[in-house]
Full PDB file with SEQRES, HELIX, SHEET, SSBOND, CRYST1, ORIGX, SCALE, CONECT and MASTER records, all heavy atoms in Angstrom:
SEQRES   1 A   36  GLY LYS ARG ARG LEU ARG ARG SER LEU ARG VAL PRO ILE          
SEQRES   2 A   36  TYR LEU LYS PHE CYS THR ALA ALA PHE MET CYS LEU THR          
SEQRES   3 A   36  ILE CYS VAL PHE HIS PHE HIS THR GLY ALA                      
HELIX    1 AA1 ARG A    7  PHE A   32  1                                  26    
CRYST1    1.000    1.000    1.000  90.00  90.00  90.00 P 1           1          
ORIGX1      1.000000  0.000000  0.000000        0.00000                         
ORIGX2      0.000000  1.000000  0.000000        0.00000                         
ORIGX3      0.000000  0.000000  1.000000        0.00000                         
SCALE1      1.000000  0.000000  0.000000        0.00000                         
SCALE2      0.000000  1.000000  0.000000        0.00000                         
SCALE3      0.000000  0.000000  1.000000        0.00000                         
ATOM      1  N   GLY A   1     209.510-104.649 282.884  1.00  0.00           N  
ATOM      2  CA  GLY A   1     210.321-104.324 284.018  1.00  0.00           C  
ATOM      3  C   GLY A   1     211.782-104.540 283.705  1.00  0.00           C  
ATOM      4  O   GLY A   1     212.177-105.552 283.178  1.00  0.00           O  
ATOM      5  N   LYS A   2     212.506-103.378 283.837  1.00  0.00           N  
ATOM      6  CA  LYS A   2     213.954-103.451 283.438  1.00  0.00           C  
ATOM      7  C   LYS A   2     214.738-104.384 284.439  1.00  0.00           C  
ATOM      8  O   LYS A   2     214.507-104.246 285.698  1.00  0.00           O  
ATOM      9  CB  LYS A   2     214.541-102.052 283.584  1.00  0.00           C  
ATOM     10  CG  LYS A   2     215.943-101.946 282.876  1.00  0.00           C  
ATOM     11  CD  LYS A   2     216.350-100.428 282.791  1.00  0.00           C  
ATOM     12  CE  LYS A   2     217.751-100.404 282.073  1.00  0.00           C  
ATOM     13  NZ  LYS A   2     218.157 -98.979 281.885  1.00  0.00           N  
ATOM     14  N   ARG A   3     215.514-105.227 283.862  1.00  0.00           N  
ATOM     15  CA  ARG A   3     216.329-106.130 284.688  1.00  0.00           C  
ATOM     16  C   ARG A   3     217.752-105.660 284.883  1.00  0.00           C  
ATOM     17  O   ARG A   3     218.347-104.969 284.116  1.00  0.00           O  
ATOM     18  CB  ARG A   3     216.333-107.530 284.020  1.00  0.00           C  
ATOM     19  CG  ARG A   3     214.991-108.077 283.939  1.00  0.00           C  
ATOM     20  CD  ARG A   3     214.863-109.284 282.928  1.00  0.00           C  
ATOM     21  NE  ARG A   3     213.555-109.684 282.706  1.00  0.00           N  
ATOM     22  CZ  ARG A   3     212.957-110.689 283.369  1.00  0.00           C  
ATOM     23  NH1 ARG A   3     213.702-111.300 284.272  1.00  0.00           N  
ATOM     24  NH2 ARG A   3     211.799-111.052 283.132  1.00  0.00           N  
ATOM     25  N   ARG A   4     218.341-106.101 285.928  1.00  0.00           N  
ATOM     26  CA  ARG A   4     219.670-105.667 286.252  1.00  0.00           C  
ATOM     27  C   ARG A   4     220.632-106.373 285.323  1.00  0.00           C  
ATOM     28  O   ARG A   4     220.462-107.561 284.974  1.00  0.00           O  
ATOM     29  CB  ARG A   4     220.033-106.155 287.717  1.00  0.00           C  
ATOM     30  CG  ARG A   4     221.425-105.667 288.148  1.00  0.00           C  
ATOM     31  CD  ARG A   4     221.634-106.118 289.663  1.00  0.00           C  
ATOM     32  NE  ARG A   4     222.945-105.819 290.123  1.00  0.00           N  
ATOM     33  CZ  ARG A   4     223.311-104.610 290.588  1.00  0.00           C  
ATOM     34  NH1 ARG A   4     222.434-103.637 290.637  1.00  0.00           N  
ATOM     35  NH2 ARG A   4     224.520-104.390 290.990  1.00  0.00           N  
ATOM     36  N   LEU A   5     221.682-105.539 284.872  1.00  0.00           N  
ATOM     37  CA  LEU A   5     222.615-106.077 283.966  1.00  0.00           C  
ATOM     38  C   LEU A   5     223.453-107.118 284.611  1.00  0.00           C  
ATOM     39  O   LEU A   5     223.857-107.007 285.752  1.00  0.00           O  
ATOM     40  CB  LEU A   5     223.609-104.880 283.505  1.00  0.00           C  
ATOM     41  CG  LEU A   5     223.088-104.024 282.273  1.00  0.00           C  
ATOM     42  CD1 LEU A   5     224.155-102.947 282.048  1.00  0.00           C  
ATOM     43  CD2 LEU A   5     222.895-104.875 281.029  1.00  0.00           C  
ATOM     44  N   ARG A   6     223.717-108.242 283.808  1.00  0.00           N  
ATOM     45  CA  ARG A   6     224.621-109.142 284.263  1.00  0.00           C  
ATOM     46  C   ARG A   6     226.020-108.592 284.473  1.00  0.00           C  
ATOM     47  O   ARG A   6     226.381-107.739 283.750  1.00  0.00           O  
ATOM     48  CB  ARG A   6     224.693-110.398 283.295  1.00  0.00           C  
ATOM     49  CG  ARG A   6     223.357-111.281 283.293  1.00  0.00           C  
ATOM     50  CD  ARG A   6     223.627-112.383 282.206  1.00  0.00           C  
ATOM     51  NE  ARG A   6     222.493-113.083 282.036  1.00  0.00           N  
ATOM     52  CZ  ARG A   6     222.107-114.170 282.800  1.00  0.00           C  
ATOM     53  NH1 ARG A   6     222.894-114.551 283.791  1.00  0.00           N  
ATOM     54  NH2 ARG A   6     221.016-114.848 282.622  1.00  0.00           N  
ATOM     55  N   ARG A   7     226.841-109.270 285.280  1.00  0.00           N  
ATOM     56  CA  ARG A   7     228.223-108.813 285.489  1.00  0.00           C  
ATOM     57  C   ARG A   7     228.968-108.981 284.209  1.00  0.00           C  
ATOM     58  O   ARG A   7     229.913-108.175 283.820  1.00  0.00           O  
ATOM     59  CB  ARG A   7     228.876-109.578 286.622  1.00  0.00           C  
ATOM     60  CG  ARG A   7     230.232-109.057 286.978  1.00  0.00           C  
ATOM     61  CD  ARG A   7     230.730-109.874 288.186  1.00  0.00           C  
ATOM     62  NE  ARG A   7     232.187-109.395 288.454  1.00  0.00           N  
ATOM     63  CZ  ARG A   7     232.897-109.898 289.467  1.00  0.00           C  
ATOM     64  NH1 ARG A   7     232.447-110.845 290.181  1.00  0.00           N  
ATOM     65  NH2 ARG A   7     234.075-109.395 289.724  1.00  0.00           N  
ATOM     66  N   SER A   8     228.654-110.042 283.461  1.00  0.00           N  
ATOM     67  CA  SER A   8     229.406-110.279 282.173  1.00  0.00           C  
ATOM     68  C   SER A   8     229.121-109.241 281.148  1.00  0.00           C  
ATOM     69  O   SER A   8     229.917-109.042 280.154  1.00  0.00           O  
ATOM     70  CB  SER A   8     229.002-111.669 281.617  1.00  0.00           C  
ATOM     71  OG  SER A   8     227.608-111.748 281.344  1.00  0.00           O  
ATOM     72  N   LEU A   9     228.107-108.456 281.388  1.00  0.00           N  
ATOM     73  CA  LEU A   9     227.834-107.285 280.405  1.00  0.00           C  
ATOM     74  C   LEU A   9     228.236-105.933 280.965  1.00  0.00           C  
ATOM     75  O   LEU A   9     228.651-105.054 280.325  1.00  0.00           O  
ATOM     76  CB  LEU A   9     226.321-107.174 280.024  1.00  0.00           C  
ATOM     77  CG  LEU A   9     225.780-108.309 279.116  1.00  0.00           C  
ATOM     78  CD1 LEU A   9     224.231-108.277 279.102  1.00  0.00           C  
ATOM     79  CD2 LEU A   9     226.351-108.012 277.723  1.00  0.00           C  
ATOM     80  N   ARG A  10     228.017-105.904 282.338  1.00  0.00           N  
ATOM     81  CA  ARG A  10     228.393-104.583 283.036  1.00  0.00           C  
ATOM     82  C   ARG A  10     229.918-104.287 283.070  1.00  0.00           C  
ATOM     83  O   ARG A  10     230.362-103.135 282.851  1.00  0.00           O  
ATOM     84  CB  ARG A  10     227.852-104.634 284.513  1.00  0.00           C  
ATOM     85  CG  ARG A  10     227.809-103.290 285.148  1.00  0.00           C  
ATOM     86  CD  ARG A  10     227.059-103.406 286.457  1.00  0.00           C  
ATOM     87  NE  ARG A  10     227.654-104.285 287.435  1.00  0.00           N  
ATOM     88  CZ  ARG A  10     227.044-105.429 287.704  1.00  0.00           C  
ATOM     89  NH1 ARG A  10     225.921-105.829 287.142  1.00  0.00           N  
ATOM     90  NH2 ARG A  10     227.676-106.238 288.654  1.00  0.00           N  
ATOM     91  N   VAL A  11     230.735-105.319 283.340  1.00  0.00           N  
ATOM     92  CA  VAL A  11     232.156-105.039 283.438  1.00  0.00           C  
ATOM     93  C   VAL A  11     232.810-104.647 282.132  1.00  0.00           C  
ATOM     94  O   VAL A  11     233.601-103.691 282.109  1.00  0.00           O  
ATOM     95  CB  VAL A  11     232.804-106.382 284.022  1.00  0.00           C  
ATOM     96  CG1 VAL A  11     234.385-106.217 283.988  1.00  0.00           C  
ATOM     97  CG2 VAL A  11     232.362-106.545 285.449  1.00  0.00           C  
ATOM     98  N   PRO A  12     232.472-105.398 281.074  1.00  0.00           N  
ATOM     99  CA  PRO A  12     233.135-104.927 279.728  1.00  0.00           C  
ATOM    100  C   PRO A  12     232.867-103.570 279.260  1.00  0.00           C  
ATOM    101  O   PRO A  12     233.757-102.866 278.824  1.00  0.00           O  
ATOM    102  CB  PRO A  12     232.587-105.945 278.722  1.00  0.00           C  
ATOM    103  CG  PRO A  12     232.155-107.202 279.535  1.00  0.00           C  
ATOM    104  CD  PRO A  12     231.766-106.649 280.871  1.00  0.00           C  
ATOM    105  N   ILE A  13     231.656-103.007 279.539  1.00  0.00           N  
ATOM    106  CA  ILE A  13     231.323-101.696 279.043  1.00  0.00           C  
ATOM    107  C   ILE A  13     232.042-100.676 279.809  1.00  0.00           C  
ATOM    108  O   ILE A  13     232.659 -99.654 279.248  1.00  0.00           O  
ATOM    109  CB  ILE A  13     229.889-101.501 278.910  1.00  0.00           C  
ATOM    110  CG1 ILE A  13     229.553-100.272 278.192  1.00  0.00           C  
ATOM    111  CG2 ILE A  13     229.188-101.455 280.291  1.00  0.00           C  
ATOM    112  CD1 ILE A  13     228.089 -99.875 277.746  1.00  0.00           C  
ATOM    113  N   TYR A  14     232.170-100.859 281.120  1.00  0.00           N  
ATOM    114  CA  TYR A  14     232.794 -99.842 281.990  1.00  0.00           C  
ATOM    115  C   TYR A  14     234.297 -99.919 281.603  1.00  0.00           C  
ATOM    116  O   TYR A  14     234.978 -98.907 281.527  1.00  0.00           O  
ATOM    117  CB  TYR A  14     232.567-100.080 283.445  1.00  0.00           C  
ATOM    118  CG  TYR A  14     231.068 -99.769 283.794  1.00  0.00           C  
ATOM    119  CD1 TYR A  14     230.424-100.599 284.654  1.00  0.00           C  
ATOM    120  CD2 TYR A  14     230.555 -98.597 283.358  1.00  0.00           C  
ATOM    121  CE1 TYR A  14     229.090-100.175 285.039  1.00  0.00           C  
ATOM    122  CE2 TYR A  14     229.298 -98.206 283.771  1.00  0.00           C  
ATOM    123  CZ  TYR A  14     228.482 -98.908 284.491  1.00  0.00           C  
ATOM    124  OH  TYR A  14     227.192 -98.684 284.874  1.00  0.00           O  
ATOM    125  N   LEU A  15     234.839-101.177 281.499  1.00  0.00           N  
ATOM    126  CA  LEU A  15     236.299-101.309 281.321  1.00  0.00           C  
ATOM    127  C   LEU A  15     236.597-100.697 279.855  1.00  0.00           C  
ATOM    128  O   LEU A  15     237.658-100.109 279.697  1.00  0.00           O  
ATOM    129  CB  LEU A  15     236.604-102.784 281.329  1.00  0.00           C  
ATOM    130  CG  LEU A  15     238.092-103.189 281.199  1.00  0.00           C  
ATOM    131  CD1 LEU A  15     238.892-102.453 282.253  1.00  0.00           C  
ATOM    132  CD2 LEU A  15     238.275-104.654 281.239  1.00  0.00           C  
ATOM    133  N   LYS A  16     235.739-100.854 278.926  1.00  0.00           N  
ATOM    134  CA  LYS A  16     235.967-100.347 277.567  1.00  0.00           C  
ATOM    135  C   LYS A  16     236.037 -98.770 277.563  1.00  0.00           C  
ATOM    136  O   LYS A  16     236.892 -98.204 276.890  1.00  0.00           O  
ATOM    137  CB  LYS A  16     234.886-100.827 276.523  1.00  0.00           C  
ATOM    138  CG  LYS A  16     234.990-100.346 275.187  1.00  0.00           C  
ATOM    139  CD  LYS A  16     236.113-100.786 274.450  1.00  0.00           C  
ATOM    140  CE  LYS A  16     236.184-100.411 272.968  1.00  0.00           C  
ATOM    141  NZ  LYS A  16     237.330-100.782 272.254  1.00  0.00           N  
ATOM    142  N   PHE A  17     235.072 -98.267 278.283  1.00  0.00           N  
ATOM    143  CA  PHE A  17     235.126 -96.730 278.401  1.00  0.00           C  
ATOM    144  C   PHE A  17     236.382 -96.225 279.113  1.00  0.00           C  
ATOM    145  O   PHE A  17     236.956 -95.244 278.723  1.00  0.00           O  
ATOM    146  CB  PHE A  17     233.815 -96.226 279.180  1.00  0.00           C  
ATOM    147  CG  PHE A  17     232.701 -96.063 278.328  1.00  0.00           C  
ATOM    148  CD1 PHE A  17     231.564 -96.871 278.373  1.00  0.00           C  
ATOM    149  CD2 PHE A  17     232.655 -94.915 277.459  1.00  0.00           C  
ATOM    150  CE1 PHE A  17     230.477 -96.629 277.524  1.00  0.00           C  
ATOM    151  CE2 PHE A  17     231.498 -94.694 276.610  1.00  0.00           C  
ATOM    152  CZ  PHE A  17     230.411 -95.576 276.666  1.00  0.00           C  
ATOM    153  N   CYS A  18     236.875 -96.986 280.068  1.00  0.00           N  
ATOM    154  CA  CYS A  18     238.089 -96.561 280.771  1.00  0.00           C  
ATOM    155  C   CYS A  18     239.246 -96.697 279.935  1.00  0.00           C  
ATOM    156  O   CYS A  18     240.065 -95.768 279.844  1.00  0.00           O  
ATOM    157  CB  CYS A  18     238.240 -97.440 281.987  1.00  0.00           C  
ATOM    158  SG  CYS A  18     237.124 -97.170 283.322  1.00  0.00           S  
ATOM    159  N   THR A  19     239.363 -97.873 279.143  1.00  0.00           N  
ATOM    160  CA  THR A  19     240.612 -97.960 278.306  1.00  0.00           C  
ATOM    161  C   THR A  19     240.520 -96.948 277.155  1.00  0.00           C  
ATOM    162  O   THR A  19     241.556 -96.427 276.720  1.00  0.00           O  
ATOM    163  CB  THR A  19     240.567 -99.347 277.690  1.00  0.00           C  
ATOM    164  OG1 THR A  19     239.383 -99.708 277.011  1.00  0.00           O  
ATOM    165  CG2 THR A  19     240.857-100.440 278.800  1.00  0.00           C  
ATOM    166  N   ALA A  20     239.384 -96.721 276.572  1.00  0.00           N  
ATOM    167  CA  ALA A  20     239.196 -95.770 275.394  1.00  0.00           C  
ATOM    168  C   ALA A  20     239.662 -94.392 275.912  1.00  0.00           C  
ATOM    169  O   ALA A  20     240.382 -93.681 275.301  1.00  0.00           O  
ATOM    170  CB  ALA A  20     237.845 -95.782 274.831  1.00  0.00           C  
ATOM    171  N   ALA A  21     239.093 -93.940 277.013  1.00  0.00           N  
ATOM    172  CA  ALA A  21     239.424 -92.642 277.628  1.00  0.00           C  
ATOM    173  C   ALA A  21     240.876 -92.465 277.872  1.00  0.00           C  
ATOM    174  O   ALA A  21     241.566 -91.471 277.616  1.00  0.00           O  
ATOM    175  CB  ALA A  21     238.535 -92.390 278.865  1.00  0.00           C  
ATOM    176  N   PHE A  22     241.448 -93.530 278.500  1.00  0.00           N  
ATOM    177  CA  PHE A  22     242.804 -93.520 278.944  1.00  0.00           C  
ATOM    178  C   PHE A  22     243.774 -93.334 277.590  1.00  0.00           C  
ATOM    179  O   PHE A  22     244.730 -92.529 277.581  1.00  0.00           O  
ATOM    180  CB  PHE A  22     243.246 -94.760 279.589  1.00  0.00           C  
ATOM    181  CG  PHE A  22     244.754 -94.844 279.980  1.00  0.00           C  
ATOM    182  CD1 PHE A  22     245.142 -94.232 281.144  1.00  0.00           C  
ATOM    183  CD2 PHE A  22     245.701 -95.452 279.104  1.00  0.00           C  
ATOM    184  CE1 PHE A  22     246.529 -94.272 281.580  1.00  0.00           C  
ATOM    185  CE2 PHE A  22     246.983 -95.501 279.543  1.00  0.00           C  
ATOM    186  CZ  PHE A  22     247.404 -94.969 280.678  1.00  0.00           C  
ATOM    187  N   MET A  23     243.443 -94.055 276.548  1.00  0.00           N  
ATOM    188  CA  MET A  23     244.255 -94.033 275.278  1.00  0.00           C  
ATOM    189  C   MET A  23     244.103 -92.638 274.618  1.00  0.00           C  
ATOM    190  O   MET A  23     245.083 -92.089 274.138  1.00  0.00           O  
ATOM    191  CB  MET A  23     243.908 -95.148 274.357  1.00  0.00           C  
ATOM    192  CG  MET A  23     244.367 -96.478 274.839  1.00  0.00           C  
ATOM    193  SD  MET A  23     244.028 -97.727 273.600  1.00  0.00           S  
ATOM    194  CE  MET A  23     242.344 -97.725 273.422  1.00  0.00           C  
ATOM    195  N   CYS A  24     242.880 -92.066 274.637  1.00  0.00           N  
ATOM    196  CA  CYS A  24     242.764 -90.803 274.014  1.00  0.00           C  
ATOM    197  C   CYS A  24     243.506 -89.669 274.811  1.00  0.00           C  
ATOM    198  O   CYS A  24     244.130 -88.846 274.190  1.00  0.00           O  
ATOM    199  CB  CYS A  24     241.222 -90.442 273.967  1.00  0.00           C  
ATOM    200  SG  CYS A  24     240.177 -91.347 272.863  1.00  0.00           S  
ATOM    201  N   LEU A  25     243.550 -89.766 276.076  1.00  0.00           N  
ATOM    202  CA  LEU A  25     244.248 -88.780 276.910  1.00  0.00           C  
ATOM    203  C   LEU A  25     245.769 -89.003 276.762  1.00  0.00           C  
ATOM    204  O   LEU A  25     246.548 -88.062 276.714  1.00  0.00           O  
ATOM    205  CB  LEU A  25     243.881 -88.868 278.407  1.00  0.00           C  
ATOM    206  CG  LEU A  25     242.462 -88.494 278.614  1.00  0.00           C  
ATOM    207  CD1 LEU A  25     242.114 -88.738 280.162  1.00  0.00           C  
ATOM    208  CD2 LEU A  25     242.282 -86.949 278.445  1.00  0.00           C  
ATOM    209  N   THR A  26     246.143 -90.319 276.610  1.00  0.00           N  
ATOM    210  CA  THR A  26     247.549 -90.648 276.471  1.00  0.00           C  
ATOM    211  C   THR A  26     248.183 -90.029 275.287  1.00  0.00           C  
ATOM    212  O   THR A  26     249.256 -89.539 275.229  1.00  0.00           O  
ATOM    213  CB  THR A  26     247.772 -92.167 276.524  1.00  0.00           C  
ATOM    214  OG1 THR A  26     247.406 -92.647 277.784  1.00  0.00           O  
ATOM    215  CG2 THR A  26     249.239 -92.539 276.376  1.00  0.00           C  
ATOM    216  N   ILE A  27     247.395 -90.147 274.119  1.00  0.00           N  
ATOM    217  CA  ILE A  27     247.883 -89.539 272.827  1.00  0.00           C  
ATOM    218  C   ILE A  27     248.131 -88.220 272.992  1.00  0.00           C  
ATOM    219  O   ILE A  27     249.094 -87.647 272.495  1.00  0.00           O  
ATOM    220  CB  ILE A  27     246.763 -89.860 271.791  1.00  0.00           C  
ATOM    221  CG1 ILE A  27     246.712 -91.438 271.328  1.00  0.00           C  
ATOM    222  CG2 ILE A  27     247.137 -89.046 270.503  1.00  0.00           C  
ATOM    223  CD1 ILE A  27     245.688 -91.789 270.440  1.00  0.00           C  
ATOM    224  N   CYS A  28     247.240 -87.403 273.635  1.00  0.00           N  
ATOM    225  CA  CYS A  28     247.450 -86.041 273.881  1.00  0.00           C  
ATOM    226  C   CYS A  28     248.677 -85.657 274.765  1.00  0.00           C  
ATOM    227  O   CYS A  28     249.461 -84.817 274.474  1.00  0.00           O  
ATOM    228  CB  CYS A  28     246.107 -85.444 274.506  1.00  0.00           C  
ATOM    229  SG  CYS A  28     246.156 -83.619 274.501  1.00  0.00           S  
ATOM    230  N   VAL A  29     248.905 -86.484 275.840  1.00  0.00           N  
ATOM    231  CA  VAL A  29     249.995 -86.354 276.678  1.00  0.00           C  
ATOM    232  C   VAL A  29     251.317 -86.521 276.011  1.00  0.00           C  
ATOM    233  O   VAL A  29     252.311 -85.725 276.131  1.00  0.00           O  
ATOM    234  CB  VAL A  29     249.929 -87.304 277.917  1.00  0.00           C  
ATOM    235  CG1 VAL A  29     251.174 -87.274 278.704  1.00  0.00           C  
ATOM    236  CG2 VAL A  29     248.683 -86.956 278.791  1.00  0.00           C  
ATOM    237  N   PHE A  30     251.401 -87.500 275.210  1.00  0.00           N  
ATOM    238  CA  PHE A  30     252.620 -87.811 274.478  1.00  0.00           C  
ATOM    239  C   PHE A  30     252.995 -86.718 273.441  1.00  0.00           C  
ATOM    240  O   PHE A  30     254.187 -86.395 273.302  1.00  0.00           O  
ATOM    241  CB  PHE A  30     252.512 -89.171 273.699  1.00  0.00           C  
ATOM    242  CG  PHE A  30     252.908 -90.357 274.530  1.00  0.00           C  
ATOM    243  CD1 PHE A  30     252.049 -91.334 274.731  1.00  0.00           C  
ATOM    244  CD2 PHE A  30     254.209 -90.406 275.114  1.00  0.00           C  
ATOM    245  CE1 PHE A  30     252.331 -92.400 275.518  1.00  0.00           C  
ATOM    246  CE2 PHE A  30     254.640 -91.489 275.879  1.00  0.00           C  
ATOM    247  CZ  PHE A  30     253.680 -92.557 276.081  1.00  0.00           C  
ATOM    248  N   HIS A  31     251.931 -86.109 272.834  1.00  0.00           N  
ATOM    249  CA  HIS A  31     252.170 -85.012 271.936  1.00  0.00           C  
ATOM    250  C   HIS A  31     252.599 -83.712 272.702  1.00  0.00           C  
ATOM    251  O   HIS A  31     253.495 -82.917 272.166  1.00  0.00           O  
ATOM    252  CB  HIS A  31     251.050 -84.811 271.009  1.00  0.00           C  
ATOM    253  CG  HIS A  31     250.985 -85.754 269.902  1.00  0.00           C  
ATOM    254  ND1 HIS A  31     250.233 -86.887 269.978  1.00  0.00           N  
ATOM    255  CD2 HIS A  31     251.490 -85.662 268.592  1.00  0.00           C  
ATOM    256  CE1 HIS A  31     250.356 -87.535 268.854  1.00  0.00           C  
ATOM    257  NE2 HIS A  31     251.122 -86.912 267.990  1.00  0.00           N  
ATOM    258  N   PHE A  32     252.189 -83.557 273.871  1.00  0.00           N  
ATOM    259  CA  PHE A  32     252.592 -82.338 274.678  1.00  0.00           C  
ATOM    260  C   PHE A  32     253.996 -82.526 275.105  1.00  0.00           C  
ATOM    261  O   PHE A  32     254.667 -81.611 275.526  1.00  0.00           O  
ATOM    262  CB  PHE A  32     251.591 -82.133 275.768  1.00  0.00           C  
ATOM    263  CG  PHE A  32     250.454 -81.288 275.527  1.00  0.00           C  
ATOM    264  CD1 PHE A  32     249.072 -81.721 275.402  1.00  0.00           C  
ATOM    265  CD2 PHE A  32     250.644 -79.856 275.292  1.00  0.00           C  
ATOM    266  CE1 PHE A  32     248.149 -80.941 275.112  1.00  0.00           C  
ATOM    267  CE2 PHE A  32     249.567 -79.040 275.011  1.00  0.00           C  
ATOM    268  CZ  PHE A  32     248.298 -79.653 274.895  1.00  0.00           C  
ATOM    269  N   HIS A  33     254.456 -83.808 275.123  1.00  0.00           N  
ATOM    270  CA  HIS A  33     255.816 -84.012 275.652  1.00  0.00           C  
ATOM    271  C   HIS A  33     256.897 -84.004 274.504  1.00  0.00           C  
ATOM    272  O   HIS A  33     258.008 -84.530 274.691  1.00  0.00           O  
ATOM    273  CB  HIS A  33     255.905 -85.401 276.353  1.00  0.00           C  
ATOM    274  CG  HIS A  33     257.177 -85.704 277.083  1.00  0.00           C  
ATOM    275  ND1 HIS A  33     257.568 -84.966 278.140  1.00  0.00           N  
ATOM    276  CD2 HIS A  33     258.094 -86.595 276.777  1.00  0.00           C  
ATOM    277  CE1 HIS A  33     258.859 -85.447 278.489  1.00  0.00           C  
ATOM    278  NE2 HIS A  33     259.115 -86.394 277.767  1.00  0.00           N  
ATOM    279  N   THR A  34     256.524 -83.504 273.323  1.00  0.00           N  
ATOM    280  CA  THR A  34     257.483 -83.476 272.261  1.00  0.00           C  
ATOM    281  C   THR A  34     258.651 -82.557 272.508  1.00  0.00           C  
ATOM    282  O   THR A  34     259.643 -82.547 271.796  1.00  0.00           O  
ATOM    283  CB  THR A  34     256.753 -83.094 270.893  1.00  0.00           C  
ATOM    284  OG1 THR A  34     256.134 -81.836 271.078  1.00  0.00           O  
ATOM    285  CG2 THR A  34     255.719 -84.134 270.464  1.00  0.00           C  
ATOM    286  N   GLY A  35     258.372 -81.596 273.436  1.00  0.00           N  
ATOM    287  CA  GLY A  35     259.555 -80.557 273.735  1.00  0.00           C  
ATOM    288  C   GLY A  35     259.385 -79.353 272.844  1.00  0.00           C  
ATOM    289  O   GLY A  35     260.296 -78.462 272.948  1.00  0.00           O  
ATOM    290  N   ALA A  36     258.308 -79.255 272.076  1.00  0.00           N  
ATOM    291  CA  ALA A  36     258.158 -77.967 271.247  1.00  0.00           C  
ATOM    292  C   ALA A  36     257.769 -76.774 272.130  1.00  0.00           C  
ATOM    293  O   ALA A  36     257.251 -76.925 273.246  1.00  0.00           O  
ATOM    294  CB  ALA A  36     257.043 -78.236 270.244  1.00  0.00           C  
TER     295      ALA A  36                                                      
MASTER        0    0    0    1    0    0    0    6  294    1    0    3          
END                                                                             
């Protein structure tokens, strides 16, 4: 029987995906702002 994830495991993985996605998008945004 699959058990519910602890909060100590659930929060880090969602937070990690959010931070990684934000940084990847930010890199793209900064390069589009070069003025070229």
